[in-house]
């Protein structure tokens, strides 16, 4: 017997690796020491740029948004999703991305789909100044059904030790500034898919008047990256802490950006809720409490800003023509996030 008799196509794997190598080379900076093909990626920190660098690493996946991509037949945005999610995660500690690795596993290798995914990864890495130095492509018959795949990402960034964001520096009275999301980003898709494709019986190509878009296209809107938006704010030291609003929503993620002896007070009427969230809430009769711990509700990142720097931060975001919302404040006493008002329309 041959390996192919067990469902593993080595020739297809070699074809994919060749395409990945070409796409990855487009992301290389002078810090990348070797081309893709070895057993590990080599990346050298520039000693002239860094004084006391702290490396920040993170790993994540795209979740069941992959099911939507497969149903629509569009896979490039999925590649961007994993990069943007990962960059945002390390950004909350003040780190800038250095290099990225991906893991792509399929039940049956499909070079066309794999190239779409890695093209999205490569493009996002170039945009964020992050080198794609390696990864893994696996064919796993029996683990994934034909046409199914999984995608994970691994990122390493750096921040000067003196500039690292630390929740212990947060004080009562600090302002909470919300940066808008583009949609679900990469979280809440198990519930969204159940409501849309099972309960409502919609097809990805169905146009939904309430959201003004085809439902498949709406669900595939890329996870927004906030690095460029907040770089100058970070460089000026105007932000103390940040929360990336991912799985768990505001309820689960905002406390991670605060010390244990303080809590956040969030005004629910201070930002517009995106139509997709209102539509999902209507389909499933979802309570506001459940919405806030499942979806980002239109806020993808929250900045914790000392009151003395709030005007500077607002001026910088306006200069960049970026939308933002003053959504609350930090208050004394431990506890979960407290909400005032009601979810906006």
C-alpha atoms as a PDB file:
ATOM      1  CA  UNK A   1       0.000   0.000   0.000  1.00  0.00           C
ATOM      2  CA  UNK A   2       0.939   3.607  -0.461  1.00  0.00           C
ATOM      3  CA  UNK A   3       0.286   6.665   1.704  1.00  0.00           C
ATOM      4  CA  UNK A   4      -2.243   7.790  -0.921  1.00  0.00           C
ATOM      5  CA  UNK A   5      -4.269   4.629  -0.241  1.00  0.00           C
ATOM      6  CA  UNK A   6      -4.830   5.965   3.284  1.00  0.00           C
ATOM      7  CA  UNK A   7      -6.098   9.258   1.896  1.00  0.00           C
ATOM      8  CA  UNK A   8      -2.939  11.378   2.126  1.00  0.00           C
ATOM      9  CA  UNK A   9      -1.770  13.045  -1.097  1.00  0.00           C
ATOM     10  CA  UNK A  10       1.897  13.984  -0.787  1.00  0.00           C
ATOM     11  CA  UNK A  11       1.984  15.509  -4.276  1.00  0.00           C
ATOM     12  CA  UNK A  12      -0.859  17.889  -3.382  1.00  0.00           C
ATOM     13  CA  UNK A  13       0.931  18.809  -0.164  1.00  0.00           C
ATOM     14  CA  UNK A  14       4.114  19.659  -2.064  1.00  0.00           C
ATOM     15  CA  UNK A  15       2.093  21.794  -4.486  1.00  0.00           C
ATOM     16  CA  UNK A  16       0.523  23.731  -1.611  1.00  0.00           C
ATOM     17  CA  UNK A  17       3.885  24.257   0.106  1.00  0.00           C
ATOM     18  CA  UNK A  18       5.295  25.703  -3.095  1.00  0.00           C
ATOM     19  CA  UNK A  19       2.421  28.209  -3.298  1.00  0.00           C
ATOM     20  CA  UNK A  20       2.739  29.074   0.387  1.00  0.00           C
ATOM     21  CA  UNK A  21       6.472  29.717   0.009  1.00  0.00           C
ATOM     22  CA  UNK A  22       5.793  32.230  -2.751  1.00  0.00           C
ATOM     23  CA  UNK A  23       3.118  34.049  -0.743  1.00  0.00           C
ATOM     24  CA  UNK A  24       5.165  34.067   2.469  1.00  0.00           C
ATOM     25  CA  UNK A  25       8.216  35.589   0.774  1.00  0.00           C
ATOM     26  CA  UNK A  26       6.155  38.695   0.043  1.00  0.00           C
ATOM     27  CA  UNK A  27       5.908  39.355   3.798  1.00  0.00           C
ATOM     28  CA  UNK A  28       9.613  38.995   4.629  1.00  0.00           C
ATOM     29  CA  UNK A  29      11.517  41.826   6.268  1.00  0.00           C
ATOM     30  CA  UNK A  30      15.292  42.039   6.647  1.00  0.00           C
ATOM     31  CA  UNK A  31      14.863  40.403  10.063  1.00  0.00           C
ATOM     32  CA  UNK A  32      13.897  37.074   8.488  1.00  0.00           C
ATOM     33  CA  UNK A  33      17.104  35.058   8.195  1.00  0.00           C
ATOM     34  CA  UNK A  34      16.052  32.014   6.203  1.00  0.00           C
ATOM     35  CA  UNK A  35      13.367  31.254   3.595  1.00  0.00           C
ATOM     36  CA  UNK A  36      10.505  28.907   4.377  1.00  0.00           C
ATOM     37  CA  UNK A  37      11.438  25.249   4.102  1.00  0.00           C
ATOM     38  CA  UNK A  38      13.446  24.521   7.229  1.00  0.00           C
ATOM     39  CA  UNK A  39      12.191  22.982  10.443  1.00  0.00           C
ATOM     40  CA  UNK A  40      11.780  26.382  12.051  1.00  0.00           C
ATOM     41  CA  UNK A  41      11.574  30.058  11.107  1.00  0.00           C
ATOM     42  CA  UNK A  42      14.475  32.347  12.002  1.00  0.00           C
ATOM     43  CA  UNK A  43      13.875  35.963  12.984  1.00  0.00           C
ATOM     44  CA  UNK A  44      16.461  38.380  14.404  1.00  0.00           C
ATOM     45  CA  UNK A  45      15.527  41.360  16.564  1.00  0.00           C
ATOM     46  CA  UNK A  46      17.250  44.562  15.502  1.00  0.00           C
ATOM     47  CA  UNK A  47      19.484  45.570  18.471  1.00  0.00           C
ATOM     48  CA  UNK A  48      19.498  49.181  17.271  1.00  0.00           C
ATOM     49  CA  UNK A  49      15.704  49.390  17.467  1.00  0.00           C
ATOM     50  CA  UNK A  50      15.135  47.668  20.809  1.00  0.00           C
ATOM     51  CA  UNK A  51      16.587  48.516  24.215  1.00  0.00           C
ATOM     52  CA  UNK A  52      14.830  46.053  26.516  1.00  0.00           C
ATOM     53  CA  UNK A  53      12.302  44.130  24.403  1.00  0.00           C
ATOM     54  CA  UNK A  54       9.666  41.862  25.915  1.00  0.00           C
ATOM     55  CA  UNK A  55       8.308  39.216  23.550  1.00  0.00           C
ATOM     56  CA  UNK A  56       4.534  38.752  23.528  1.00  0.00           C
ATOM     57  CA  UNK A  57       3.055  35.579  21.991  1.00  0.00           C
ATOM     58  CA  UNK A  58      -0.500  34.475  21.270  1.00  0.00           C
ATOM     59  CA  UNK A  59      -2.336  31.632  19.535  1.00  0.00           C
ATOM     60  CA  UNK A  60      -5.924  31.526  18.315  1.00  0.00           C
ATOM     61  CA  UNK A  61      -8.323  30.082  15.775  1.00  0.00           C
ATOM     62  CA  UNK A  62     -11.167  31.305  13.587  1.00  0.00           C
ATOM     63  CA  UNK A  63     -13.834  28.986  15.017  1.00  0.00           C
ATOM     64  CA  UNK A  64     -16.987  28.043  13.165  1.00  0.00           C
ATOM     65  CA  UNK A  65     -16.779  31.087  10.900  1.00  0.00           C
ATOM     66  CA  UNK A  66     -14.954  28.526   8.749  1.00  0.00           C
ATOM     67  CA  UNK A  67     -18.332  26.876   8.105  1.00  0.00           C
ATOM     68  CA  UNK A  68     -19.664  30.122   6.651  1.00  0.00           C
ATOM     69  CA  UNK A  69     -16.598  30.531   4.431  1.00  0.00           C
ATOM     70  CA  UNK A  70     -17.075  26.999   3.098  1.00  0.00           C
ATOM     71  CA  UNK A  71     -20.774  27.597   2.423  1.00  0.00           C
ATOM     72  CA  UNK A  72     -20.089  30.861   0.580  1.00  0.00           C
ATOM     73  CA  UNK A  73     -16.981  29.559  -1.181  1.00  0.00           C
ATOM     74  CA  UNK A  74     -14.799  32.517  -0.170  1.00  0.00           C
ATOM     75  CA  UNK A  75     -11.685  31.780   1.890  1.00  0.00           C
ATOM     76  CA  UNK A  76      -9.323  34.770   1.573  1.00  0.00           C
ATOM     77  CA  UNK A  77     -11.063  36.777   4.305  1.00  0.00           C
ATOM     78  CA  UNK A  78     -10.635  33.879   6.731  1.00  0.00           C
ATOM     79  CA  UNK A  79      -6.860  34.201   6.342  1.00  0.00           C
ATOM     80  CA  UNK A  80      -7.053  37.902   7.179  1.00  0.00           C
ATOM     81  CA  UNK A  81      -9.312  37.164  10.153  1.00  0.00           C
ATOM     82  CA  UNK A  82      -6.756  35.023  11.957  1.00  0.00           C
ATOM     83  CA  UNK A  83      -3.977  37.574  11.458  1.00  0.00           C
ATOM     84  CA  UNK A  84      -6.083  40.538  12.571  1.00  0.00           C
ATOM     85  CA  UNK A  85      -7.392  38.683  15.623  1.00  0.00           C
ATOM     86  CA  UNK A  86      -3.852  37.734  16.638  1.00  0.00           C
ATOM     87  CA  UNK A  87      -2.421  41.229  16.116  1.00  0.00           C
ATOM     88  CA  UNK A  88      -5.219  42.701  18.245  1.00  0.00           C
ATOM     89  CA  UNK A  89      -4.542  40.231  21.040  1.00  0.00           C
ATOM     90  CA  UNK A  90      -0.896  41.214  21.495  1.00  0.00           C
ATOM     91  CA  UNK A  91      -1.752  44.867  20.903  1.00  0.00           C
ATOM     92  CA  UNK A  92      -3.587  44.869  24.244  1.00  0.00           C
ATOM     93  CA  UNK A  93      -0.184  44.593  25.917  1.00  0.00           C
ATOM     94  CA  UNK A  94       1.325  47.303  23.767  1.00  0.00           C
ATOM     95  CA  UNK A  95       3.177  44.893  21.465  1.00  0.00           C
ATOM     96  CA  UNK A  96       3.726  45.308  17.732  1.00  0.00           C
ATOM     97  CA  UNK A  97       3.758  42.181  15.558  1.00  0.00           C
ATOM     98  CA  UNK A  98       7.071  40.664  14.471  1.00  0.00           C
ATOM     99  CA  UNK A  99       6.243  37.338  12.859  1.00  0.00           C
ATOM    100  CA  UNK A 100       3.370  34.939  12.324  1.00  0.00           C
ATOM    101  CA  UNK A 101       2.868  31.212  11.685  1.00  0.00           C
ATOM    102  CA  UNK A 102      -0.267  29.449  10.497  1.00  0.00           C
ATOM    103  CA  UNK A 103      -1.662  25.939  10.880  1.00  0.00           C
ATOM    104  CA  UNK A 104      -4.018  24.683   8.167  1.00  0.00           C
ATOM    105  CA  UNK A 105      -5.488  21.175   8.456  1.00  0.00           C
ATOM    106  CA  UNK A 106      -7.836  19.613   5.881  1.00  0.00           C
ATOM    107  CA  UNK A 107      -9.641  16.329   5.520  1.00  0.00           C
ATOM    108  CA  UNK A 108      -8.548  16.285   1.888  1.00  0.00           C
ATOM    109  CA  UNK A 109      -6.005  18.789   0.635  1.00  0.00           C
ATOM    110  CA  UNK A 110      -7.445  21.255  -1.843  1.00  0.00           C
ATOM    111  CA  UNK A 111      -4.665  23.438  -3.316  1.00  0.00           C
ATOM    112  CA  UNK A 112      -7.130  26.091  -4.542  1.00  0.00           C
ATOM    113  CA  UNK A 113      -8.729  26.573  -1.106  1.00  0.00           C
ATOM    114  CA  UNK A 114      -5.380  26.436   0.685  1.00  0.00           C
ATOM    115  CA  UNK A 115      -3.963  29.115  -1.585  1.00  0.00           C
ATOM    116  CA  UNK A 116      -6.972  31.377  -0.934  1.00  0.00           C
ATOM    117  CA  UNK A 117      -6.537  31.018   2.819  1.00  0.00           C
ATOM    118  CA  UNK A 118      -2.787  31.638   2.793  1.00  0.00           C
ATOM    119  CA  UNK A 119      -3.190  34.519   0.347  1.00  0.00           C
ATOM    120  CA  UNK A 120      -5.422  36.181   2.937  1.00  0.00           C
ATOM    121  CA  UNK A 121      -2.869  35.471   5.658  1.00  0.00           C
ATOM    122  CA  UNK A 122      -0.028  36.841   3.519  1.00  0.00           C
ATOM    123  CA  UNK A 123      -1.876  40.013   2.540  1.00  0.00           C
ATOM    124  CA  UNK A 124      -2.845  40.782   6.151  1.00  0.00           C
ATOM    125  CA  UNK A 125       0.703  40.137   7.341  1.00  0.00           C
ATOM    126  CA  UNK A 126       2.072  42.595   4.782  1.00  0.00           C
ATOM    127  CA  UNK A 127      -0.446  45.236   5.837  1.00  0.00           C
ATOM    128  CA  UNK A 128       0.458  44.825   9.515  1.00  0.00           C
ATOM    129  CA  UNK A 129       4.239  44.671   9.009  1.00  0.00           C
ATOM    130  CA  UNK A 130       4.347  41.075  10.206  1.00  0.00           C
ATOM    131  CA  UNK A 131       6.535  38.416   8.530  1.00  0.00           C
ATOM    132  CA  UNK A 132       4.954  35.049   7.717  1.00  0.00           C
ATOM    133  CA  UNK A 133       7.943  32.856   8.616  1.00  0.00           C
ATOM    134  CA  UNK A 134       6.384  29.397   8.556  1.00  0.00           C
ATOM    135  CA  UNK A 135       3.454  27.183   9.325  1.00  0.00           C
ATOM    136  CA  UNK A 136       2.013  23.727   8.893  1.00  0.00           C
ATOM    137  CA  UNK A 137      -0.309  22.211   6.304  1.00  0.00           C
ATOM    138  CA  UNK A 138      -1.775  18.835   7.254  1.00  0.00           C
ATOM    139  CA  UNK A 139      -4.035  16.373   5.472  1.00  0.00           C
ATOM    140  CA  UNK A 140      -6.042  14.433   8.064  1.00  0.00           C
ATOM    141  CA  UNK A 141      -8.626  12.061   6.553  1.00  0.00           C
ATOM    142  CA  UNK A 142     -10.977  10.727   9.189  1.00  0.00           C
ATOM    143  CA  UNK A 143     -10.511  13.790  11.398  1.00  0.00           C
ATOM    144  CA  UNK A 144     -12.036  16.344   9.031  1.00  0.00           C
ATOM    145  CA  UNK A 145     -14.699  15.546   6.443  1.00  0.00           C
ATOM    146  CA  UNK A 146     -14.002  16.279   2.783  1.00  0.00           C
ATOM    147  CA  UNK A 147     -14.353  20.010   2.171  1.00  0.00           C
ATOM    148  CA  UNK A 148     -13.742  20.887   5.842  1.00  0.00           C
ATOM    149  CA  UNK A 149     -10.626  22.456   7.322  1.00  0.00           C
ATOM    150  CA  UNK A 150      -9.342  24.148  10.442  1.00  0.00           C
ATOM    151  CA  UNK A 151      -7.138  27.211  10.720  1.00  0.00           C
ATOM    152  CA  UNK A 152      -5.069  28.476  13.634  1.00  0.00           C
ATOM    153  CA  UNK A 153      -2.529  31.250  13.962  1.00  0.00           C
ATOM    154  CA  UNK A 154       0.487  31.888  16.150  1.00  0.00           C
ATOM    155  CA  UNK A 155       1.971  35.363  16.531  1.00  0.00           C
ATOM    156  CA  UNK A 156       5.015  36.835  18.269  1.00  0.00           C
ATOM    157  CA  UNK A 157       5.400  40.551  18.863  1.00  0.00           C
ATOM    158  CA  UNK A 158       7.551  42.808  21.026  1.00  0.00           C
ATOM    159  CA  UNK A 159       7.196  45.792  23.292  1.00  0.00           C
ATOM    160  CA  UNK A 160       9.734  47.751  25.296  1.00  0.00           C
ATOM    161  CA  UNK A 161       9.507  46.669  28.918  1.00  0.00           C
ATOM    162  CA  UNK A 162       8.920  50.272  29.999  1.00  0.00           C
ATOM    163  CA  UNK A 163       6.022  50.672  27.529  1.00  0.00           C
ATOM    164  CA  UNK A 164       4.154  47.441  28.280  1.00  0.00           C
ATOM    165  CA  UNK A 165       0.485  48.012  29.092  1.00  0.00           C
ATOM    166  CA  UNK A 166      -0.388  46.851  32.591  1.00  0.00           C
ATOM    167  CA  UNK A 167      -3.924  46.721  34.077  1.00  0.00           C
ATOM    168  CA  UNK A 168      -2.402  47.453  37.485  1.00  0.00           C
ATOM    169  CA  UNK A 169      -1.925  51.037  36.315  1.00  0.00           C
ATOM    170  CA  UNK A 170      -5.661  51.597  35.804  1.00  0.00           C
ATOM    171  CA  UNK A 171      -7.312  54.050  38.221  1.00  0.00           C
ATOM    172  CA  UNK A 172     -10.900  54.807  39.190  1.00  0.00           C
ATOM    173  CA  UNK A 173     -12.219  57.552  36.939  1.00  0.00           C
ATOM    174  CA  UNK A 174     -10.334  56.402  33.840  1.00  0.00           C
ATOM    175  CA  UNK A 175     -12.421  56.656  30.673  1.00  0.00           C
ATOM    176  CA  UNK A 176     -13.486  53.731  28.489  1.00  0.00           C
ATOM    177  CA  UNK A 177     -13.260  54.476  24.763  1.00  0.00           C
ATOM    178  CA  UNK A 178     -14.861  51.949  22.409  1.00  0.00           C
ATOM    179  CA  UNK A 179     -13.622  51.387  18.854  1.00  0.00           C
ATOM    180  CA  UNK A 180     -16.270  50.023  16.481  1.00  0.00           C
ATOM    181  CA  UNK A 181     -16.228  46.503  15.083  1.00  0.00           C
ATOM    182  CA  UNK A 182     -17.111  45.525  11.521  1.00  0.00           C
ATOM    183  CA  UNK A 183     -19.527  42.812  12.639  1.00  0.00           C
ATOM    184  CA  UNK A 184     -19.220  39.518  14.487  1.00  0.00           C
ATOM    185  CA  UNK A 185     -15.463  39.438  13.844  1.00  0.00           C
ATOM    186  CA  UNK A 186     -14.571  35.820  14.758  1.00  0.00           C
ATOM    187  CA  UNK A 187     -16.874  35.103  17.683  1.00  0.00           C
ATOM    188  CA  UNK A 188     -20.440  33.984  18.290  1.00  0.00           C
ATOM    189  CA  UNK A 189     -20.739  32.036  15.040  1.00  0.00           C
ATOM    190  CA  UNK A 190     -22.088  28.826  16.553  1.00  0.00           C
ATOM    191  CA  UNK A 191     -25.148  30.705  17.788  1.00  0.00           C
ATOM    192  CA  UNK A 192     -25.396  32.890  14.674  1.00  0.00           C
ATOM    193  CA  UNK A 193     -25.284  29.885  12.324  1.00  0.00           C
ATOM    194  CA  UNK A 194     -27.887  28.021  14.367  1.00  0.00           C
ATOM    195  CA  UNK A 195     -30.265  30.969  14.226  1.00  0.00           C
ATOM    196  CA  UNK A 196     -29.705  31.929  10.592  1.00  0.00           C
ATOM    197  CA  UNK A 197     -29.236  28.634   8.785  1.00  0.00           C
ATOM    198  CA  UNK A 198     -31.215  26.266  11.022  1.00  0.00           C
ATOM    199  CA  UNK A 199     -33.956  28.265  12.756  1.00  0.00           C
ATOM    200  CA  UNK A 200     -34.593  30.783   9.960  1.00  0.00           C
ATOM    201  CA  UNK A 201     -33.595  28.391   7.166  1.00  0.00           C
ATOM    202  CA  UNK A 202     -31.734  31.049   5.179  1.00  0.00           C
ATOM    203  CA  UNK A 203     -29.163  30.374   2.476  1.00  0.00           C
ATOM    204  CA  UNK A 204     -25.828  32.270   2.394  1.00  0.00           C
ATOM    205  CA  UNK A 205     -27.061  34.082  -0.718  1.00  0.00           C
ATOM    206  CA  UNK A 206     -30.301  35.278   0.943  1.00  0.00           C
ATOM    207  CA  UNK A 207     -30.627  39.051   1.022  1.00  0.00           C
ATOM    208  CA  UNK A 208     -31.802  40.302   4.427  1.00  0.00           C
ATOM    209  CA  UNK A 209     -33.450  43.702   4.291  1.00  0.00           C
ATOM    210  CA  UNK A 210     -32.939  44.344   8.012  1.00  0.00           C
ATOM    211  CA  UNK A 211     -29.157  44.341   7.541  1.00  0.00           C
ATOM    212  CA  UNK A 212     -29.032  45.528   3.916  1.00  0.00           C
ATOM    213  CA  UNK A 213     -26.803  42.707   2.761  1.00  0.00           C
ATOM    214  CA  UNK A 214     -26.671  39.051   1.778  1.00  0.00           C
ATOM    215  CA  UNK A 215     -26.398  37.116   4.997  1.00  0.00           C
ATOM    216  CA  UNK A 216     -23.317  35.148   3.905  1.00  0.00           C
ATOM    217  CA  UNK A 217     -21.430  38.312   2.955  1.00  0.00           C
ATOM    218  CA  UNK A 218     -22.441  39.965   6.227  1.00  0.00           C
ATOM    219  CA  UNK A 219     -21.140  37.066   8.299  1.00  0.00           C
ATOM    220  CA  UNK A 220     -17.841  37.020   6.384  1.00  0.00           C
ATOM    221  CA  UNK A 221     -16.970  40.665   7.058  1.00  0.00           C
ATOM    222  CA  UNK A 222     -13.318  40.572   8.173  1.00  0.00           C
ATOM    223  CA  UNK A 223     -12.214  40.887  11.765  1.00  0.00           C
ATOM    224  CA  UNK A 224     -11.026  44.480  12.054  1.00  0.00           C
ATOM    225  CA  UNK A 225      -7.416  45.217  13.030  1.00  0.00           C
ATOM    226  CA  UNK A 226      -6.770  48.210  15.315  1.00  0.00           C
ATOM    227  CA  UNK A 227      -2.960  48.439  15.202  1.00  0.00           C
ATOM    228  CA  UNK A 228      -2.662  51.404  12.826  1.00  0.00           C
ATOM    229  CA  UNK A 229      -5.473  53.243  14.590  1.00  0.00           C
ATOM    230  CA  UNK A 230      -3.855  53.179  18.042  1.00  0.00           C
ATOM    231  CA  UNK A 231      -0.102  53.128  17.305  1.00  0.00           C
ATOM    232  CA  UNK A 232       0.439  56.827  17.963  1.00  0.00           C
ATOM    233  CA  UNK A 233      -1.769  56.665  21.053  1.00  0.00           C
ATOM    234  CA  UNK A 234       0.420  53.863  22.384  1.00  0.00           C
ATOM    235  CA  UNK A 235       3.641  55.677  21.483  1.00  0.00           C
ATOM    236  CA  UNK A 236       2.521  58.769  23.410  1.00  0.00           C
ATOM    237  CA  UNK A 237       1.637  56.734  26.503  1.00  0.00           C
ATOM    238  CA  UNK A 238      -1.967  57.911  26.499  1.00  0.00           C
ATOM    239  CA  UNK A 239      -3.516  54.498  27.120  1.00  0.00           C
ATOM    240  CA  UNK A 240      -3.087  52.401  30.261  1.00  0.00           C
ATOM    241  CA  UNK A 241      -4.854  49.190  29.277  1.00  0.00           C
ATOM    242  CA  UNK A 242      -6.881  47.668  26.428  1.00  0.00           C
ATOM    243  CA  UNK A 243      -9.481  44.936  26.001  1.00  0.00           C
ATOM    244  CA  UNK A 244      -9.974  43.035  22.744  1.00  0.00           C
ATOM    245  CA  UNK A 245     -13.675  42.122  22.654  1.00  0.00           C
ATOM    246  CA  UNK A 246     -13.705  38.527  21.455  1.00  0.00           C
ATOM    247  CA  UNK A 247     -15.326  35.354  22.848  1.00  0.00           C
ATOM    248  CA  UNK A 248     -17.202  36.320  26.000  1.00  0.00           C
ATOM    249  CA  UNK A 249     -18.145  39.758  24.704  1.00  0.00           C
ATOM    250  CA  UNK A 250     -17.708  42.907  26.754  1.00  0.00           C
ATOM    251  CA  UNK A 251     -18.837  41.055  29.873  1.00  0.00           C
ATOM    252  CA  UNK A 252     -16.035  38.507  29.676  1.00  0.00           C
ATOM    253  CA  UNK A 253     -13.183  40.550  28.226  1.00  0.00           C
ATOM    254  CA  UNK A 254     -13.282  44.024  29.748  1.00  0.00           C
ATOM    255  CA  UNK A 255     -12.501  42.781  33.304  1.00  0.00           C
ATOM    256  CA  UNK A 256      -9.244  41.294  31.936  1.00  0.00           C
ATOM    257  CA  UNK A 257      -8.027  44.857  31.302  1.00  0.00           C
ATOM    258  CA  UNK A 258      -8.704  46.013  34.872  1.00  0.00           C
ATOM    259  CA  UNK A 259      -7.152  45.313  38.285  1.00  0.00           C
ATOM    260  CA  UNK A 260      -9.227  43.131  40.592  1.00  0.00           C
ATOM    261  CA  UNK A 261     -10.112  45.949  42.976  1.00  0.00           C
ATOM    262  CA  UNK A 262     -11.888  47.985  40.269  1.00  0.00           C
ATOM    263  CA  UNK A 263     -14.808  47.409  37.892  1.00  0.00           C
ATOM    264  CA  UNK A 264     -16.180  48.972  34.717  1.00  0.00           C
ATOM    265  CA  UNK A 265     -19.449  50.884  34.309  1.00  0.00           C
ATOM    266  CA  UNK A 266     -20.641  50.752  30.696  1.00  0.00           C
ATOM    267  CA  UNK A 267     -23.405  52.919  29.222  1.00  0.00           C
ATOM    268  CA  UNK A 268     -25.275  50.697  26.775  1.00  0.00           C
ATOM    269  CA  UNK A 269     -26.761  53.611  24.885  1.00  0.00           C
ATOM    270  CA  UNK A 270     -23.432  55.243  24.073  1.00  0.00           C
ATOM    271  CA  UNK A 271     -22.743  53.476  20.767  1.00  0.00           C
ATOM    272  CA  UNK A 272     -24.881  52.243  17.863  1.00  0.00           C
ATOM    273  CA  UNK A 273     -25.570  48.512  17.804  1.00  0.00           C
ATOM    274  CA  UNK A 274     -24.913  47.099  14.325  1.00  0.00           C
ATOM    275  CA  UNK A 275     -27.973  45.791  12.428  1.00  0.00           C
ATOM    276  CA  UNK A 276     -26.632  42.208  12.386  1.00  0.00           C
ATOM    277  CA  UNK A 277     -26.788  42.044  16.178  1.00  0.00           C
ATOM    278  CA  UNK A 278     -30.308  43.421  16.316  1.00  0.00           C
ATOM    279  CA  UNK A 279     -31.335  40.887  13.667  1.00  0.00           C
ATOM    280  CA  UNK A 280     -29.808  37.967  15.580  1.00  0.00           C
ATOM    281  CA  UNK A 281     -31.407  39.102  18.841  1.00  0.00           C
ATOM    282  CA  UNK A 282     -34.793  39.224  17.131  1.00  0.00           C
ATOM    283  CA  UNK A 283     -34.386  35.774  15.543  1.00  0.00           C
ATOM    284  CA  UNK A 284     -33.475  34.107  18.804  1.00  0.00           C
ATOM    285  CA  UNK A 285     -35.232  36.319  21.349  1.00  0.00           C
ATOM    286  CA  UNK A 286     -31.799  36.749  22.911  1.00  0.00           C
ATOM    287  CA  UNK A 287     -31.714  38.679  26.171  1.00  0.00           C
ATOM    288  CA  UNK A 288     -29.387  41.692  26.476  1.00  0.00           C
ATOM    289  CA  UNK A 289     -27.354  39.806  29.099  1.00  0.00           C
ATOM    290  CA  UNK A 290     -26.787  36.904  26.704  1.00  0.00           C
ATOM    291  CA  UNK A 291     -25.991  39.248  23.823  1.00  0.00           C
ATOM    292  CA  UNK A 292     -23.323  41.066  25.829  1.00  0.00           C
ATOM    293  CA  UNK A 293     -21.516  37.877  26.817  1.00  0.00           C
ATOM    294  CA  UNK A 294     -21.710  36.299  23.349  1.00  0.00           C
ATOM    295  CA  UNK A 295     -21.180  39.061  20.769  1.00  0.00           C
ATOM    296  CA  UNK A 296     -19.074  42.233  20.642  1.00  0.00           C
ATOM    297  CA  UNK A 297     -22.281  44.227  19.928  1.00  0.00           C
ATOM    298  CA  UNK A 298     -20.426  46.671  17.676  1.00  0.00           C
ATOM    299  CA  UNK A 299     -17.396  47.368  19.898  1.00  0.00           C
ATOM    300  CA  UNK A 300     -14.237  45.490  18.890  1.00  0.00           C
ATOM    301  CA  UNK A 301     -11.672  47.115  21.177  1.00  0.00           C
ATOM    302  CA  UNK A 302     -11.915  49.137  24.379  1.00  0.00           C
ATOM    303  CA  UNK A 303      -9.184  51.580  25.451  1.00  0.00           C
ATOM    304  CA  UNK A 304      -8.746  52.501  29.117  1.00  0.00           C
ATOM    305  CA  UNK A 305      -7.657  56.153  29.091  1.00  0.00           C
ATOM    306  CA  UNK A 306      -6.602  58.316  32.064  1.00  0.00           C
ATOM    307  CA  UNK A 307      -8.879  61.344  32.146  1.00  0.00           C
ATOM    308  CA  UNK A 308      -5.922  63.721  31.660  1.00  0.00           C
ATOM    309  CA  UNK A 309      -5.237  62.150  28.236  1.00  0.00           C
ATOM    310  CA  UNK A 310      -8.813  61.767  27.010  1.00  0.00           C
ATOM    311  CA  UNK A 311      -8.843  64.937  24.888  1.00  0.00           C
ATOM    312  CA  UNK A 312      -5.558  63.988  23.214  1.00  0.00           C
ATOM    313  CA  UNK A 313      -6.883  60.517  22.374  1.00  0.00           C
ATOM    314  CA  UNK A 314     -10.122  61.948  20.974  1.00  0.00           C
ATOM    315  CA  UNK A 315      -8.166  64.462  18.894  1.00  0.00           C
ATOM    316  CA  UNK A 316      -5.902  61.744  17.485  1.00  0.00           C
ATOM    317  CA  UNK A 317      -8.821  59.505  16.501  1.00  0.00           C
ATOM    318  CA  UNK A 318     -10.606  62.452  14.901  1.00  0.00           C
ATOM    319  CA  UNK A 319      -7.420  63.340  13.024  1.00  0.00           C
ATOM    320  CA  UNK A 320      -7.409  59.823  11.625  1.00  0.00           C
ATOM    321  CA  UNK A 321     -11.138  60.141  10.852  1.00  0.00           C
ATOM    322  CA  UNK A 322     -11.881  57.103  12.958  1.00  0.00           C
ATOM    323  CA  UNK A 323     -15.150  56.582  14.770  1.00  0.00           C
ATOM    324  CA  UNK A 324     -15.027  56.078  18.521  1.00  0.00           C
ATOM    325  CA  UNK A 325     -17.413  56.173  21.453  1.00  0.00           C
ATOM    326  CA  UNK A 326     -17.006  57.199  25.078  1.00  0.00           C
ATOM    327  CA  UNK A 327     -18.781  54.177  26.522  1.00  0.00           C
ATOM    328  CA  UNK A 328     -18.145  54.379  30.266  1.00  0.00           C
ATOM    329  CA  UNK A 329     -15.664  54.672  33.076  1.00  0.00           C
ATOM    330  CA  UNK A 330     -13.706  52.715  35.652  1.00  0.00           C
ATOM    331  CA  UNK A 331     -15.180  52.727  39.156  1.00  0.00           C
ATOM    332  CA  UNK A 332     -14.075  51.745  42.634  1.00  0.00           C
ATOM    333  CA  UNK A 333     -14.749  48.326  44.111  1.00  0.00           C
ATOM    334  CA  UNK A 334     -14.344  44.831  42.673  1.00  0.00           C
ATOM    335  CA  UNK A 335     -17.021  43.073  40.666  1.00  0.00           C
ATOM    336  CA  UNK A 336     -18.219  42.299  37.153  1.00  0.00           C
ATOM    337  CA  UNK A 337     -19.008  44.871  34.484  1.00  0.00           C
ATOM    338  CA  UNK A 338     -22.004  46.979  35.447  1.00  0.00           C
ATOM    339  CA  UNK A 339     -24.299  48.265  32.709  1.00  0.00           C
ATOM    340  CA  UNK A 340     -26.478  51.356  32.645  1.00  0.00           C
ATOM    341  CA  UNK A 341     -29.177  52.239  30.110  1.00  0.00           C
ATOM    342  CA  UNK A 342     -30.200  49.883  27.315  1.00  0.00           C
ATOM    343  CA  UNK A 343     -28.633  48.643  24.079  1.00  0.00           C
ATOM    344  CA  UNK A 344     -28.846  51.380  21.429  1.00  0.00           C
ATOM    345  CA  UNK A 345     -30.473  51.078  18.024  1.00  0.00           C
END
